[in-house]
Amino acid sequence: MSRRLTLHLTARHNAALDRILGGGDSHDNNQRRRAVEQLILDRARELGDRTGPQNAAAVESPGAAESSAAPIDENTVRLIDRLKASRDQYRHLAARAEAALLGVPVRDDYGSIERRLERALSAKGFRMPAASDPRARAGSRRSGGR
């Protein structure tokens, strides 16, 4: 189950995220969102590594106690890793499809891969269907939605 989270960033938060993202250019909200997501997942992975029985005292240290309301179990960390591997696999597949359509070498970057793939298909006379509305898929099929 996913939940929408809205963050209101101060100028200090934006400056910190820009330092994390690197470069002197200002970054858009999608880049900041991905950086925050990655920070959260990295922290979850760290906590998952430290929550074994032999490390229970380390989680309860003064600095960690306030930032870890509930420990992340091993299954959650494995799930996150599987999802990231799946995302990476499909990104690479899309880059390979773009290269095959255009007859060029595979690009290493995945920036705007959807738009690049759409252009490559268009060059060959195909039209990519519109993306489905993610809100329409929010309800579970078993429970009949909301």
N, C-alpha and C. Protein backbone atom coordinates (compact mmCIF):
# COMPACT_ATOMS: atom_id res chain seq x y z
N MET A 1 0.85 -1.17 0.00
CA MET A 1 0.00 0.00 0.00
C MET A 1 0.89 1.23 0.00
N SER A 2 0.59 2.17 -0.85
CA SER A 2 1.38 3.40 -0.88
C SER A 2 0.51 4.55 -0.38
N ARG A 3 1.17 5.53 0.17
CA ARG A 3 0.48 6.71 0.67
C ARG A 3 1.16 7.93 0.10
N ARG A 4 0.37 8.93 -0.21
CA ARG A 4 0.91 10.17 -0.73
C ARG A 4 1.47 10.98 0.44
N LEU A 5 2.66 11.51 0.24
CA LEU A 5 3.32 12.32 1.25
C LEU A 5 3.68 13.65 0.63
N THR A 6 3.31 14.73 1.27
CA THR A 6 3.65 16.06 0.78
C THR A 6 4.68 16.66 1.71
N LEU A 7 5.77 17.11 1.14
CA LEU A 7 6.82 17.76 1.92
C LEU A 7 6.88 19.22 1.51
N HIS A 8 6.94 20.09 2.49
CA HIS A 8 7.12 21.51 2.24
C HIS A 8 8.57 21.82 2.58
N LEU A 9 9.37 22.08 1.56
CA LEU A 9 10.80 22.27 1.75
C LEU A 9 11.12 23.75 1.94
N THR A 10 11.98 24.00 2.91
CA THR A 10 12.46 25.35 3.12
C THR A 10 13.63 25.60 2.18
N ALA A 11 14.12 26.82 2.18
CA ALA A 11 15.28 27.15 1.34
C ALA A 11 16.49 26.31 1.76
N ARG A 12 16.61 26.03 3.06
CA ARG A 12 17.72 25.19 3.54
C ARG A 12 17.61 23.77 3.01
N HIS A 13 16.38 23.22 2.99
CA HIS A 13 16.17 21.88 2.45
C HIS A 13 16.55 21.84 0.98
N ASN A 14 16.07 22.84 0.21
CA ASN A 14 16.39 22.89 -1.21
C ASN A 14 17.89 22.99 -1.45
N ALA A 15 18.54 23.82 -0.66
CA ALA A 15 20.00 23.96 -0.81
C ALA A 15 20.70 22.64 -0.50
N ALA A 16 20.25 21.94 0.55
CA ALA A 16 20.86 20.65 0.90
C ALA A 16 20.63 19.62 -0.20
N LEU A 17 19.42 19.57 -0.75
CA LEU A 17 19.14 18.63 -1.83
C LEU A 17 19.96 18.97 -3.08
N ASP A 18 20.13 20.26 -3.37
CA ASP A 18 20.96 20.64 -4.51
C ASP A 18 22.40 20.20 -4.31
N ARG A 19 22.90 20.31 -3.06
CA ARG A 19 24.27 19.83 -2.78
C ARG A 19 24.35 18.32 -2.96
N ILE A 20 23.33 17.59 -2.51
CA ILE A 20 23.31 16.12 -2.65
C ILE A 20 23.26 15.74 -4.13
N LEU A 21 22.44 16.45 -4.90
CA LEU A 21 22.29 16.15 -6.32
C LEU A 21 23.51 16.57 -7.13
N GLY A 22 24.29 17.51 -6.61
CA GLY A 22 25.50 17.94 -7.28
C GLY A 22 25.22 18.90 -8.41
N GLY A 23 26.27 19.51 -8.88
CA GLY A 23 26.14 20.45 -10.00
C GLY A 23 25.63 21.79 -9.55
N GLY A 24 25.89 22.82 -10.34
CA GLY A 24 25.47 24.17 -9.98
C GLY A 24 24.08 24.51 -10.47
N ASP A 25 23.52 23.70 -11.35
CA ASP A 25 22.20 24.00 -11.89
C ASP A 25 21.13 23.76 -10.84
N SER A 26 20.03 24.50 -10.96
CA SER A 26 18.91 24.21 -10.06
C SER A 26 18.24 22.93 -10.55
N HIS A 27 17.66 22.19 -9.64
CA HIS A 27 17.07 20.90 -9.96
C HIS A 27 15.55 20.99 -9.85
N ASP A 28 14.85 20.21 -10.68
CA ASP A 28 13.40 20.25 -10.67
C ASP A 28 12.85 19.38 -9.54
N ASN A 29 11.55 19.46 -9.34
CA ASN A 29 10.91 18.75 -8.23
C ASN A 29 11.03 17.24 -8.37
N ASN A 30 11.01 16.71 -9.60
CA ASN A 30 11.15 15.27 -9.77
C ASN A 30 12.52 14.79 -9.31
N GLN A 31 13.56 15.55 -9.61
CA GLN A 31 14.89 15.18 -9.15
C GLN A 31 14.97 15.23 -7.63
N ARG A 32 14.38 16.26 -7.04
CA ARG A 32 14.38 16.36 -5.58
C ARG A 32 13.59 15.20 -4.96
N ARG A 33 12.43 14.87 -5.58
CA ARG A 33 11.62 13.76 -5.06
C ARG A 33 12.41 12.47 -5.09
N ARG A 34 13.09 12.21 -6.21
CA ARG A 34 13.89 10.98 -6.30
C ARG A 34 15.01 10.97 -5.28
N ALA A 35 15.62 12.13 -5.03
CA ALA A 35 16.70 12.20 -4.03
C ALA A 35 16.17 11.90 -2.64
N VAL A 36 15.00 12.47 -2.30
CA VAL A 36 14.40 12.21 -0.99
C VAL A 36 14.02 10.73 -0.87
N GLU A 37 13.43 10.16 -1.94
CA GLU A 37 13.09 8.74 -1.92
C GLU A 37 14.33 7.89 -1.67
N GLN A 38 15.42 8.23 -2.36
CA GLN A 38 16.64 7.45 -2.21
C GLN A 38 17.20 7.57 -0.80
N LEU A 39 17.14 8.77 -0.22
CA LEU A 39 17.60 8.95 1.16
C LEU A 39 16.78 8.10 2.12
N ILE A 40 15.47 8.06 1.92
CA ILE A 40 14.61 7.26 2.78
C ILE A 40 14.92 5.78 2.63
N LEU A 41 15.08 5.32 1.39
CA LEU A 41 15.37 3.90 1.17
C LEU A 41 16.74 3.52 1.72
N ASP A 42 17.73 4.40 1.54
CA ASP A 42 19.06 4.12 2.09
C ASP A 42 19.01 4.02 3.61
N ARG A 43 18.27 4.92 4.23
CA ARG A 43 18.14 4.89 5.70
C ARG A 43 17.43 3.61 6.14
N ALA A 44 16.40 3.20 5.41
CA ALA A 44 15.68 1.96 5.74
C ALA A 44 16.62 0.77 5.65
N ARG A 45 17.47 0.77 4.62
CA ARG A 45 18.43 -0.32 4.45
C ARG A 45 19.43 -0.33 5.61
N GLU A 46 19.91 0.85 6.01
CA GLU A 46 20.83 0.94 7.15
C GLU A 46 20.19 0.38 8.41
N LEU A 47 18.94 0.78 8.66
CA LEU A 47 18.25 0.30 9.85
C LEU A 47 18.00 -1.19 9.77
N GLY A 48 17.71 -1.69 8.57
CA GLY A 48 17.51 -3.13 8.40
C GLY A 48 18.77 -3.91 8.72
N ASP A 49 19.94 -3.35 8.38
CA ASP A 49 21.21 -4.01 8.68
C ASP A 49 21.51 -3.99 10.17
N ARG A 50 21.03 -2.99 10.87
CA ARG A 50 21.38 -2.83 12.29
C ARG A 50 20.35 -3.39 13.25
N THR A 51 19.22 -3.92 12.77
CA THR A 51 18.17 -4.33 13.69
C THR A 51 18.23 -5.79 14.09
N GLY A 52 19.34 -6.46 13.80
CA GLY A 52 19.50 -7.84 14.26
C GLY A 52 19.57 -7.89 15.77
N PRO A 53 19.36 -9.07 16.38
CA PRO A 53 19.37 -9.16 17.84
C PRO A 53 20.67 -8.68 18.47
N GLN A 54 21.79 -8.93 17.81
CA GLN A 54 23.06 -8.51 18.38
C GLN A 54 23.24 -7.00 18.31
N ASN A 55 22.47 -6.30 17.48
CA ASN A 55 22.61 -4.86 17.32
C ASN A 55 21.43 -4.09 17.87
N ALA A 56 20.62 -4.70 18.70
CA ALA A 56 19.42 -4.03 19.22
C ALA A 56 19.78 -2.75 19.97
N ALA A 57 20.89 -2.76 20.70
CA ALA A 57 21.29 -1.58 21.47
C ALA A 57 21.68 -0.43 20.54
N ALA A 58 22.24 -0.73 19.39
CA ALA A 58 22.66 0.32 18.46
C ALA A 58 21.47 1.11 17.93
N VAL A 59 20.34 0.45 17.73
CA VAL A 59 19.15 1.13 17.22
C VAL A 59 18.60 2.08 18.26
N GLU A 60 18.75 1.75 19.52
CA GLU A 60 18.20 2.57 20.58
C GLU A 60 19.15 3.67 21.04
N SER A 61 20.20 3.96 20.28
CA SER A 61 21.09 5.05 20.64
C SER A 61 20.32 6.36 20.55
N PRO A 62 20.74 7.40 21.28
CA PRO A 62 19.97 8.64 21.33
C PRO A 62 19.66 9.23 19.96
N GLY A 63 20.61 9.25 19.04
CA GLY A 63 20.37 9.82 17.72
C GLY A 63 19.43 8.97 16.89
N ALA A 64 19.53 7.67 17.02
CA ALA A 64 18.72 6.78 16.19
C ALA A 64 17.31 6.61 16.73
N ALA A 65 17.12 6.78 18.02
CA ALA A 65 15.81 6.53 18.62
C ALA A 65 14.74 7.44 18.04
N GLU A 66 15.08 8.72 17.83
CA GLU A 66 14.07 9.63 17.31
C GLU A 66 13.81 9.43 15.82
N SER A 67 14.79 8.92 15.07
CA SER A 67 14.59 8.76 13.63
C SER A 67 14.07 7.40 13.23
N SER A 68 13.99 6.45 14.16
CA SER A 68 13.51 5.11 13.80
C SER A 68 12.34 4.71 14.68
N ALA A 69 11.15 5.11 14.27
CA ALA A 69 9.96 4.77 15.05
C ALA A 69 9.69 3.28 15.00
N ALA A 70 9.84 2.67 13.83
CA ALA A 70 9.61 1.24 13.69
C ALA A 70 10.74 0.65 12.85
N PRO A 71 11.35 -0.43 13.31
CA PRO A 71 12.44 -1.02 12.54
C PRO A 71 11.92 -1.62 11.23
N ILE A 72 12.74 -1.57 10.22
CA ILE A 72 12.40 -2.14 8.92
C ILE A 72 12.89 -3.59 8.92
N ASP A 73 12.00 -4.52 8.61
CA ASP A 73 12.40 -5.92 8.65
C ASP A 73 13.15 -6.32 7.37
N GLU A 74 13.78 -7.46 7.41
CA GLU A 74 14.60 -7.96 6.30
C GLU A 74 13.79 -8.14 5.03
N ASN A 75 12.54 -8.59 5.15
CA ASN A 75 11.69 -8.79 3.97
C ASN A 75 11.44 -7.47 3.23
N THR A 76 11.26 -6.40 3.97
CA THR A 76 11.02 -5.09 3.36
C THR A 76 12.26 -4.63 2.60
N VAL A 77 13.41 -4.82 3.19
CA VAL A 77 14.65 -4.42 2.53
C VAL A 77 14.85 -5.24 1.25
N ARG A 78 14.58 -6.55 1.32
CA ARG A 78 14.71 -7.40 0.11
C ARG A 78 13.70 -6.96 -0.95
N LEU A 79 12.48 -6.62 -0.54
CA LEU A 79 11.47 -6.16 -1.49
C LEU A 79 11.92 -4.88 -2.18
N ILE A 80 12.45 -3.95 -1.44
CA ILE A 80 12.94 -2.69 -2.00
C ILE A 80 14.04 -2.98 -3.02
N ASP A 81 14.97 -3.87 -2.67
CA ASP A 81 16.05 -4.22 -3.59
C ASP A 81 15.52 -4.88 -4.86
N ARG A 82 14.52 -5.78 -4.71
CA ARG A 82 13.92 -6.44 -5.89
C ARG A 82 13.24 -5.43 -6.80
N LEU A 83 12.51 -4.47 -6.20
CA LEU A 83 11.83 -3.45 -7.00
C LEU A 83 12.83 -2.58 -7.75
N LYS A 84 13.92 -2.20 -7.07
CA LYS A 84 14.94 -1.40 -7.74
C LYS A 84 15.58 -2.18 -8.88
N ALA A 85 15.85 -3.47 -8.67
CA ALA A 85 16.45 -4.30 -9.73
C ALA A 85 15.49 -4.42 -10.91
N SER A 86 14.20 -4.58 -10.64
CA SER A 86 13.21 -4.68 -11.69
C SER A 86 13.13 -3.38 -12.48
N ARG A 87 13.11 -2.26 -11.78
CA ARG A 87 13.08 -0.95 -12.44
C ARG A 87 14.30 -0.79 -13.34
N ASP A 88 15.48 -1.14 -12.82
CA ASP A 88 16.71 -1.02 -13.59
C ASP A 88 16.68 -1.91 -14.83
N GLN A 89 16.13 -3.12 -14.68
CA GLN A 89 16.05 -4.06 -15.80
C GLN A 89 15.17 -3.47 -16.91
N TYR A 90 14.02 -2.91 -16.56
CA TYR A 90 13.12 -2.38 -17.57
C TYR A 90 13.64 -1.08 -18.17
N ARG A 91 14.35 -0.29 -17.40
CA ARG A 91 14.98 0.91 -17.97
C ARG A 91 16.00 0.50 -19.02
N HIS A 92 16.81 -0.49 -18.69
CA HIS A 92 17.83 -0.95 -19.63
C HIS A 92 17.16 -1.53 -20.87
N LEU A 93 16.08 -2.26 -20.68
CA LEU A 93 15.34 -2.83 -21.82
C LEU A 93 14.81 -1.71 -22.73
N ALA A 94 14.28 -0.65 -22.13
CA ALA A 94 13.76 0.47 -22.93
C ALA A 94 14.89 1.14 -23.70
N ALA A 95 16.06 1.29 -23.08
CA ALA A 95 17.21 1.90 -23.77
C ALA A 95 17.67 1.00 -24.92
N ARG A 96 17.64 -0.31 -24.73
CA ARG A 96 18.01 -1.24 -25.80
C ARG A 96 17.00 -1.19 -26.94
N ALA A 97 15.71 -1.09 -26.61
CA ALA A 97 14.67 -1.00 -27.64
C ALA A 97 14.85 0.28 -28.45
N GLU A 98 15.14 1.39 -27.77
CA GLU A 98 15.38 2.66 -28.47
C GLU A 98 16.56 2.50 -29.42
N ALA A 99 17.64 1.90 -28.96
CA ALA A 99 18.83 1.72 -29.80
C ALA A 99 18.52 0.84 -31.01
N ALA A 100 17.75 -0.22 -30.81
CA ALA A 100 17.39 -1.11 -31.91
C ALA A 100 16.53 -0.39 -32.94
N LEU A 101 15.59 0.42 -32.48
CA LEU A 101 14.71 1.14 -33.40
C LEU A 101 15.48 2.17 -34.22
N LEU A 102 16.44 2.84 -33.60
CA LEU A 102 17.18 3.89 -34.28
C LEU A 102 18.45 3.39 -34.97
N GLY A 103 18.85 2.14 -34.66
CA GLY A 103 20.06 1.60 -35.25
C GLY A 103 21.32 2.27 -34.73
N VAL A 104 21.32 2.62 -33.46
CA VAL A 104 22.47 3.29 -32.83
C VAL A 104 22.90 2.49 -31.61
N PRO A 105 24.10 2.76 -31.07
CA PRO A 105 24.52 2.08 -29.84
C PRO A 105 23.61 2.45 -28.66
N VAL A 106 23.56 1.57 -27.69
CA VAL A 106 22.74 1.81 -26.48
C VAL A 106 23.36 2.94 -25.68
N ARG A 107 22.51 3.90 -25.29
CA ARG A 107 22.98 5.01 -24.44
C ARG A 107 23.02 4.55 -23.00
N ASP A 108 24.00 5.04 -22.26
CA ASP A 108 24.15 4.65 -20.85
C ASP A 108 23.21 5.40 -19.92
N ASP A 109 22.75 6.58 -20.33
CA ASP A 109 21.88 7.34 -19.43
C ASP A 109 20.42 7.01 -19.71
N TYR A 110 19.60 7.13 -18.67
CA TYR A 110 18.18 6.81 -18.79
C TYR A 110 17.31 8.05 -18.70
N GLY A 111 17.92 9.22 -18.80
CA GLY A 111 17.17 10.46 -18.71
C GLY A 111 16.11 10.55 -19.79
N SER A 112 14.91 10.88 -19.42
CA SER A 112 13.75 11.02 -20.31
C SER A 112 13.60 9.82 -21.24
N ILE A 113 13.78 8.62 -20.71
CA ILE A 113 13.74 7.39 -21.52
C ILE A 113 12.38 7.20 -22.18
N GLU A 114 11.31 7.57 -21.50
CA GLU A 114 9.98 7.40 -22.10
C GLU A 114 9.83 8.28 -23.34
N ARG A 115 10.24 9.52 -23.23
CA ARG A 115 10.15 10.45 -24.36
C ARG A 115 11.07 9.99 -25.51
N ARG A 116 12.26 9.50 -25.16
CA ARG A 116 13.19 9.01 -26.19
C ARG A 116 12.62 7.79 -26.91
N LEU A 117 12.01 6.88 -26.16
CA LEU A 117 11.42 5.69 -26.76
C LEU A 117 10.23 6.07 -27.63
N GLU A 118 9.46 7.03 -27.18
CA GLU A 118 8.31 7.51 -27.97
C GLU A 118 8.78 8.10 -29.31
N ARG A 119 9.86 8.88 -29.29
CA ARG A 119 10.40 9.45 -30.52
C ARG A 119 10.94 8.36 -31.45
N ALA A 120 11.61 7.36 -30.86
CA ALA A 120 12.16 6.27 -31.69
C ALA A 120 11.04 5.48 -32.34
N LEU A 121 9.98 5.21 -31.60
CA LEU A 121 8.83 4.51 -32.19
C LEU A 121 8.17 5.35 -33.27
N SER A 122 8.04 6.64 -33.01
CA SER A 122 7.43 7.54 -33.97
C SER A 122 8.23 7.58 -35.27
N ALA A 123 9.55 7.53 -35.17
CA ALA A 123 10.41 7.54 -36.36
C ALA A 123 10.17 6.31 -37.22
N LYS A 124 9.71 5.22 -36.62
CA LYS A 124 9.43 3.99 -37.37
C LYS A 124 7.95 3.85 -37.72
N GLY A 125 7.16 4.90 -37.44
CA GLY A 125 5.75 4.88 -37.82
C GLY A 125 4.82 4.32 -36.77
N PHE A 126 5.29 4.11 -35.55
CA PHE A 126 4.44 3.61 -34.48
C PHE A 126 4.09 4.74 -33.54
N ARG A 127 2.98 4.57 -32.84
CA ARG A 127 2.55 5.56 -31.86
C ARG A 127 2.41 4.88 -30.51
N MET A 128 3.09 5.42 -29.52
CA MET A 128 3.01 4.86 -28.17
C MET A 128 1.67 5.25 -27.56
N PRO A 129 0.93 4.27 -26.99
CA PRO A 129 -0.34 4.64 -26.36
C PRO A 129 -0.11 5.51 -25.13
N ALA A 130 -1.11 6.30 -24.81
CA ALA A 130 -1.01 7.17 -23.64
C ALA A 130 -0.88 6.33 -22.38
N ALA A 131 -0.16 6.86 -21.41
CA ALA A 131 -0.01 6.17 -20.13
C ALA A 131 -1.35 6.16 -19.41
N SER A 132 -1.62 5.06 -18.72
CA SER A 132 -2.88 4.99 -17.98
C SER A 132 -2.80 5.89 -16.75
N ASP A 133 -3.94 6.32 -16.29
CA ASP A 133 -4.02 7.19 -15.13
C ASP A 133 -3.70 6.38 -13.88
N PRO A 134 -2.61 6.71 -13.13
CA PRO A 134 -2.27 5.92 -11.94
C PRO A 134 -3.35 5.96 -10.87
N ARG A 135 -4.15 7.02 -10.84
CA ARG A 135 -5.23 7.09 -9.84
C ARG A 135 -6.33 6.09 -10.14
N ALA A 136 -6.50 5.74 -11.41
CA ALA A 136 -7.52 4.76 -11.78
C ALA A 136 -7.14 3.37 -11.31
N ARG A 137 -5.84 3.12 -11.13
CA ARG A 137 -5.38 1.82 -10.70
C ARG A 137 -5.17 1.74 -9.19
N ALA A 138 -5.51 2.79 -8.45
CA ALA A 138 -5.20 2.84 -7.03
C ALA A 138 -5.93 1.79 -6.21
N GLY A 139 -7.16 1.47 -6.57
CA GLY A 139 -7.93 0.50 -5.79
C GLY A 139 -7.50 -0.92 -6.07
N SER A 140 -7.67 -1.77 -5.09
CA SER A 140 -7.33 -3.18 -5.27
C SER A 140 -8.45 -3.88 -6.02
N ARG A 141 -8.08 -4.80 -6.90
CA ARG A 141 -9.12 -5.54 -7.65
C ARG A 141 -9.90 -6.46 -6.74
N ARG A 142 -9.23 -7.01 -5.73
CA ARG A 142 -9.93 -7.93 -4.82
C ARG A 142 -10.95 -7.21 -3.98
N SER A 143 -10.60 -6.03 -3.52
CA SER A 143 -11.52 -5.33 -2.62
C SER A 143 -12.53 -4.48 -3.39
N GLY A 144 -12.36 -4.36 -4.71
CA GLY A 144 -13.30 -3.58 -5.50
C GLY A 144 -13.03 -2.10 -5.47
N GLY A 145 -11.82 -1.70 -5.07
CA GLY A 145 -11.48 -0.28 -5.03
C GLY A 145 -12.04 0.38 -3.80
N ARG A 146 -12.18 1.70 -3.88
CA ARG A 146 -12.65 2.44 -2.71
C ARG A 146 -14.11 2.73 -2.80
